[in-house]
C-alpha atoms as a PDB file:
ATOM      1  CA  MET A   1      14.987-129.266 -70.970  1.00  0.00           C
ATOM      2  CA  ALA A   2      11.956-129.083 -73.247  1.00  0.00           C
ATOM      3  CA  TRP A   3      12.203-128.865 -77.011  1.00  0.00           C
ATOM      4  CA  SER A   4      10.464-125.493 -76.838  1.00  0.00           C
ATOM      5  CA  THR A   5      13.474-124.161 -74.899  1.00  0.00           C
ATOM      6  CA  TYR A   6      15.816-125.308 -77.664  1.00  0.00           C
ATOM      7  CA  LEU A   7      13.557-123.832 -80.313  1.00  0.00           C
ATOM      8  CA  GLN A   8      13.362-120.497 -78.483  1.00  0.00           C
ATOM      9  CA  SER A   9      17.148-120.438 -78.068  1.00  0.00           C
ATOM     10  CA  LEU A  10      17.732-121.287 -81.716  1.00  0.00           C
ATOM     11  CA  THR A  11      15.228-118.658 -82.850  1.00  0.00           C
ATOM     12  CA  GLY A  12      16.738-116.018 -80.564  1.00  0.00           C
ATOM     13  CA  GLY A  13      20.265-116.793 -81.744  1.00  0.00           C
ATOM     14  CA  ALA A  14      19.205-116.660 -85.389  1.00  0.00           C
ATOM     15  CA  LEU A  15      17.484-113.303 -84.841  1.00  0.00           C
ATOM     16  CA  ILE A  16      20.564-111.883 -83.077  1.00  0.00           C
ATOM     17  CA  GLY A  17      22.802-113.071 -85.924  1.00  0.00           C
ATOM     18  CA  ALA A  18      20.457-111.682 -88.568  1.00  0.00           C
ATOM     19  CA  ALA A  19      20.204-108.329 -86.776  1.00  0.00           C
ATOM     20  CA  ALA A  20      23.992-108.087 -86.443  1.00  0.00           C
ATOM     21  CA  ALA A  21      24.473-108.974 -90.127  1.00  0.00           C
ATOM     22  CA  LEU A  22      21.849-106.441 -91.254  1.00  0.00           C
ATOM     23  CA  PHE A  23      23.351-103.733 -89.055  1.00  0.00           C
ATOM     24  CA  LEU A  24      26.767-104.361 -90.618  1.00  0.00           C
ATOM     25  CA  LEU A  25      25.402-104.508 -94.171  1.00  0.00           C
ATOM     26  CA  LEU A  26      23.140-101.457 -93.861  1.00  0.00           C
ATOM     27  CA  ASN A  27      25.316 -99.254 -91.633  1.00  0.00           C
ATOM     28  CA  GLY A  28      28.831-100.578 -92.161  1.00  0.00           C
ATOM     29  CA  ARG A  29      29.279-100.838 -88.388  1.00  0.00           C
ATOM     30  CA  ILE A  30      29.509-103.594 -85.814  1.00  0.00           C
ATOM     31  CA  ALA A  31      26.417-104.094 -83.625  1.00  0.00           C
ATOM     32  CA  GLY A  32      28.360-103.816 -80.367  1.00  0.00           C
ATOM     33  CA  ILE A  33      25.941-102.702 -77.668  1.00  0.00           C
ATOM     34  CA  SER A  34      28.567-101.105 -75.410  1.00  0.00           C
ATOM     35  CA  GLY A  35      29.888 -99.017 -78.292  1.00  0.00           C
ATOM     36  CA  ILE A  36      26.409 -97.974 -79.387  1.00  0.00           C
ATOM     37  CA  LEU A  37      25.471 -96.936 -75.842  1.00  0.00           C
ATOM     38  CA  GLY A  38      28.838 -95.247 -75.325  1.00  0.00           C
ATOM     39  CA  ARG A  39      28.394 -93.158 -78.473  1.00  0.00           C
ATOM     40  CA  LEU A  40      24.946 -92.077 -77.241  1.00  0.00           C
ATOM     41  CA  LEU A  41      26.570 -90.611 -74.139  1.00  0.00           C
ATOM     42  CA  GLY A  42      29.060 -88.578 -76.172  1.00  0.00           C
ATOM     43  CA  PRO A  43      28.599 -85.663 -78.547  1.00  0.00           C
ATOM     44  CA  ARG A  44      25.854 -85.917 -81.154  1.00  0.00           C
ATOM     45  CA  SER A  45      26.903 -87.248 -84.559  1.00  0.00           C
ATOM     46  CA  ALA A  46      25.399 -88.452 -87.818  1.00  0.00           C
ATOM     47  CA  GLU A  47      24.895 -91.913 -86.297  1.00  0.00           C
ATOM     48  CA  THR A  48      23.046 -90.736 -83.164  1.00  0.00           C
ATOM     49  CA  ALA A  49      19.560 -91.378 -84.588  1.00  0.00           C
ATOM     50  CA  THR A  50      20.551 -94.890 -85.685  1.00  0.00           C
ATOM     51  CA  ASN A  51      21.960 -95.615 -82.232  1.00  0.00           C
ATOM     52  CA  ILE A  52      18.787 -94.348 -80.536  1.00  0.00           C
ATOM     53  CA  TRP A  53      16.594 -96.556 -82.743  1.00  0.00           C
ATOM     54  CA  PHE A  54      18.852 -99.545 -82.092  1.00  0.00           C
ATOM     55  CA  VAL A  55      18.471 -99.124 -78.314  1.00  0.00           C
ATOM     56  CA  ILE A  56      14.701 -98.606 -78.670  1.00  0.00           C
ATOM     57  CA  GLY A  57      14.596-101.882 -80.594  1.00  0.00           C
ATOM     58  CA  LEU A  58      16.358-103.641 -77.727  1.00  0.00           C
ATOM     59  CA  LEU A  59      13.858-102.272 -75.234  1.00  0.00           C
ATOM     60  CA  VAL A  60      10.843-103.144 -77.407  1.00  0.00           C
ATOM     61  CA  GLY A  61      11.970-106.775 -77.805  1.00  0.00           C
ATOM     62  CA  PRO A  62      10.308-108.054 -74.615  1.00  0.00           C
ATOM     63  CA  LEU A  63       7.074-106.294 -75.589  1.00  0.00           C
ATOM     64  CA  LEU A  64       7.152-108.027 -78.959  1.00  0.00           C
ATOM     65  CA  PHE A  65       7.695-111.336 -77.128  1.00  0.00           C
ATOM     66  CA  LEU A  66       4.688-110.508 -74.946  1.00  0.00           C
ATOM     67  CA  GLY A  67       2.559-109.823 -78.007  1.00  0.00           C
ATOM     68  CA  LEU A  68       3.597-113.086 -79.680  1.00  0.00           C
ATOM     69  CA  THR A  69       3.418-115.405 -76.668  1.00  0.00           C
ATOM     70  CA  GLY A  70       1.078-113.688 -74.210  1.00  0.00           C
ATOM     71  CA  ARG A  71       3.774-113.577 -71.512  1.00  0.00           C
ATOM     72  CA  LEU A  72       7.012-111.761 -70.782  1.00  0.00           C
ATOM     73  CA  PRO A  73      10.334-113.622 -71.081  1.00  0.00           C
ATOM     74  CA  ASP A  74      11.324-115.518 -67.938  1.00  0.00           C
ATOM     75  CA  SER A  75      13.756-113.629 -65.739  1.00  0.00           C
ATOM     76  CA  HIS A  76      14.833-114.733 -62.279  1.00  0.00           C
ATOM     77  CA  VAL A  77      17.214-112.380 -60.485  1.00  0.00           C
ATOM     78  CA  THR A  78      18.317-113.707 -57.113  1.00  0.00           C
ATOM     79  CA  ALA A  79      21.392-111.577 -56.430  1.00  0.00           C
ATOM     80  CA  ALA A  80      21.366-108.704 -53.965  1.00  0.00           C
ATOM     81  CA  PRO A  81      21.136-105.165 -55.427  1.00  0.00           C
ATOM     82  CA  ALA A  82      24.701-104.374 -54.303  1.00  0.00           C
ATOM     83  CA  VAL A  83      26.005-107.419 -56.194  1.00  0.00           C
ATOM     84  CA  LEU A  84      24.064-106.389 -59.314  1.00  0.00           C
ATOM     85  CA  ILE A  85      25.458-102.850 -59.158  1.00  0.00           C
ATOM     86  CA  ALA A  86      29.027-104.091 -58.612  1.00  0.00           C
ATOM     87  CA  GLY A  87      28.623-106.563 -61.474  1.00  0.00           C
ATOM     88  CA  GLY A  88      27.269-103.880 -63.797  1.00  0.00           C
ATOM     89  CA  LEU A  89      30.160-101.557 -63.011  1.00  0.00           C
ATOM     90  CA  LEU A  90      32.695-104.341 -63.556  1.00  0.00           C
ATOM     91  CA  VAL A  91      31.103-105.288 -66.883  1.00  0.00           C
ATOM     92  CA  GLY A  92      31.144-101.639 -67.972  1.00  0.00           C
ATOM     93  CA  PHE A  93      34.801-101.333 -66.999  1.00  0.00           C
ATOM     94  CA  GLY A  94      35.594-104.579 -68.811  1.00  0.00           C
ATOM     95  CA  THR A  95      33.888-103.517 -72.026  1.00  0.00           C
ATOM     96  CA  ARG A  96      35.925-100.318 -72.075  1.00  0.00           C
ATOM     97  CA  LEU A  97      39.139-102.164 -71.223  1.00  0.00           C
ATOM     98  CA  GLY A  98      38.480-104.820 -73.880  1.00  0.00           C
ATOM     99  CA  SER A  99      37.248-102.331 -76.491  1.00  0.00           C
ATOM    100  CA  GLY A 100      33.960-104.147 -76.851  1.00  0.00           C
ATOM    101  CA  CYS A 101      31.382-106.436 -75.316  1.00  0.00           C
ATOM    102  CA  THR A 102      29.913-109.865 -75.909  1.00  0.00           C
ATOM    103  CA  SER A 103      27.829-108.646 -78.830  1.00  0.00           C
ATOM    104  CA  GLY A 104      30.687-106.826 -80.523  1.00  0.00           C
ATOM    105  CA  HIS A 105      33.371-109.453 -79.951  1.00  0.00           C
ATOM    106  CA  GLY A 106      31.327-112.612 -79.409  1.00  0.00           C
ATOM    107  CA  VAL A 107      28.725-112.247 -82.142  1.00  0.00           C
ATOM    108  CA  CYS A 108      30.264-109.912 -84.700  1.00  0.00           C
ATOM    109  CA  GLY A 109      33.993-110.313 -84.089  1.00  0.00           C
ATOM    110  CA  LEU A 110      34.031-114.113 -84.090  1.00  0.00           C
ATOM    111  CA  ALA A 111      31.898-114.177 -87.250  1.00  0.00           C
ATOM    112  CA  ARG A 112      34.506-111.923 -88.903  1.00  0.00           C
ATOM    113  CA  LEU A 113      37.313-114.226 -87.627  1.00  0.00           C
ATOM    114  CA  SER A 114      38.895-111.332 -85.719  1.00  0.00           C
ATOM    115  CA  ARG A 115      41.925-112.524 -83.715  1.00  0.00           C
ATOM    116  CA  ARG A 116      41.360-109.742 -81.192  1.00  0.00           C
ATOM    117  CA  SER A 117      37.774-110.918 -80.694  1.00  0.00           C
ATOM    118  CA  PHE A 118      38.875-114.539 -80.215  1.00  0.00           C
ATOM    119  CA  ALA A 119      41.250-113.320 -77.487  1.00  0.00           C
ATOM    120  CA  ALA A 120      38.575-111.121 -75.884  1.00  0.00           C
ATOM    121  CA  VAL A 121      35.955-113.906 -75.893  1.00  0.00           C
ATOM    122  CA  GLY A 122      38.487-116.289 -74.365  1.00  0.00           C
ATOM    123  CA  VAL A 123      39.223-113.814 -71.588  1.00  0.00           C
ATOM    124  CA  PHE A 124      35.639-112.921 -70.741  1.00  0.00           C
ATOM    125  CA  MET A 125      34.380-116.514 -70.913  1.00  0.00           C
ATOM    126  CA  THR A 126      37.217-117.696 -68.656  1.00  0.00           C
ATOM    127  CA  THR A 127      36.445-114.845 -66.273  1.00  0.00           C
ATOM    128  CA  ALA A 128      32.731-115.707 -66.318  1.00  0.00           C
ATOM    129  CA  VAL A 129      33.430-119.361 -65.483  1.00  0.00           C
ATOM    130  CA  ALA A 130      35.750-118.314 -62.641  1.00  0.00           C
ATOM    131  CA  VAL A 131      33.212-115.850 -61.215  1.00  0.00           C
ATOM    132  CA  VAL A 132      30.388-118.405 -61.333  1.00  0.00           C
ATOM    133  CA  TYR A 133      32.574-120.998 -59.603  1.00  0.00           C
ATOM    134  CA  LEU A 134      33.684-118.463 -57.003  1.00  0.00           C
ATOM    135  CA  THR A 135      30.189-117.178 -56.218  1.00  0.00           C
ATOM    136  CA  HIS A 136      28.526-120.603 -56.220  1.00  0.00           C
ATOM    137  CA  HIS A 137      31.144-122.666 -54.405  1.00  0.00           C
ATOM    138  CA  LEU A 138      33.649-120.532 -52.525  1.00  0.00           C
ATOM    139  CA  LEU A 139      31.599-117.536 -51.348  1.00  0.00           C
ATOM    140  CA  PRO A 140      28.276-118.879 -50.089  1.00  0.00           C
ATOM    141  CA  GLY A 141      25.588-116.241 -49.909  1.00  0.00           C
ATOM    142  CA  VAL A 142      27.021-114.085 -52.725  1.00  0.00           C
ATOM    143  CA  GLY A 143      25.691-116.108 -55.644  1.00  0.00           C
ATOM    144  CA  PRO A 144      22.308-117.752 -56.139  1.00  0.00           C
END
């Protein structure tokens, strides 16, 4: 791996951490993407505008990358559309079941030393490792 990959990863991680910290400091709320999106689908509230701007910021990120580097971020999707849809539905179900997602539990919860987030991250990381092993080694043709 090239040093530029490490630098990009470090920069991206630092920006995610800074954004999560600022969101907590300025809004008093956790920057959990599933919760923010979920609240956008419900009734309008005082935080609706903030949630809309947060999602717009997520969508504008690749365009900012394009402006800074002259190219879009690398993305290589090799899974079949049915697998992507099934995976998306399972992730959505899991975020509701676990009361949060990787951003809420993994970034914000762990930083706050939340025991519930440590448990959630342990469960979803173990599940992710099992799914990757299953799709790469036991079910040929399903994974990349």
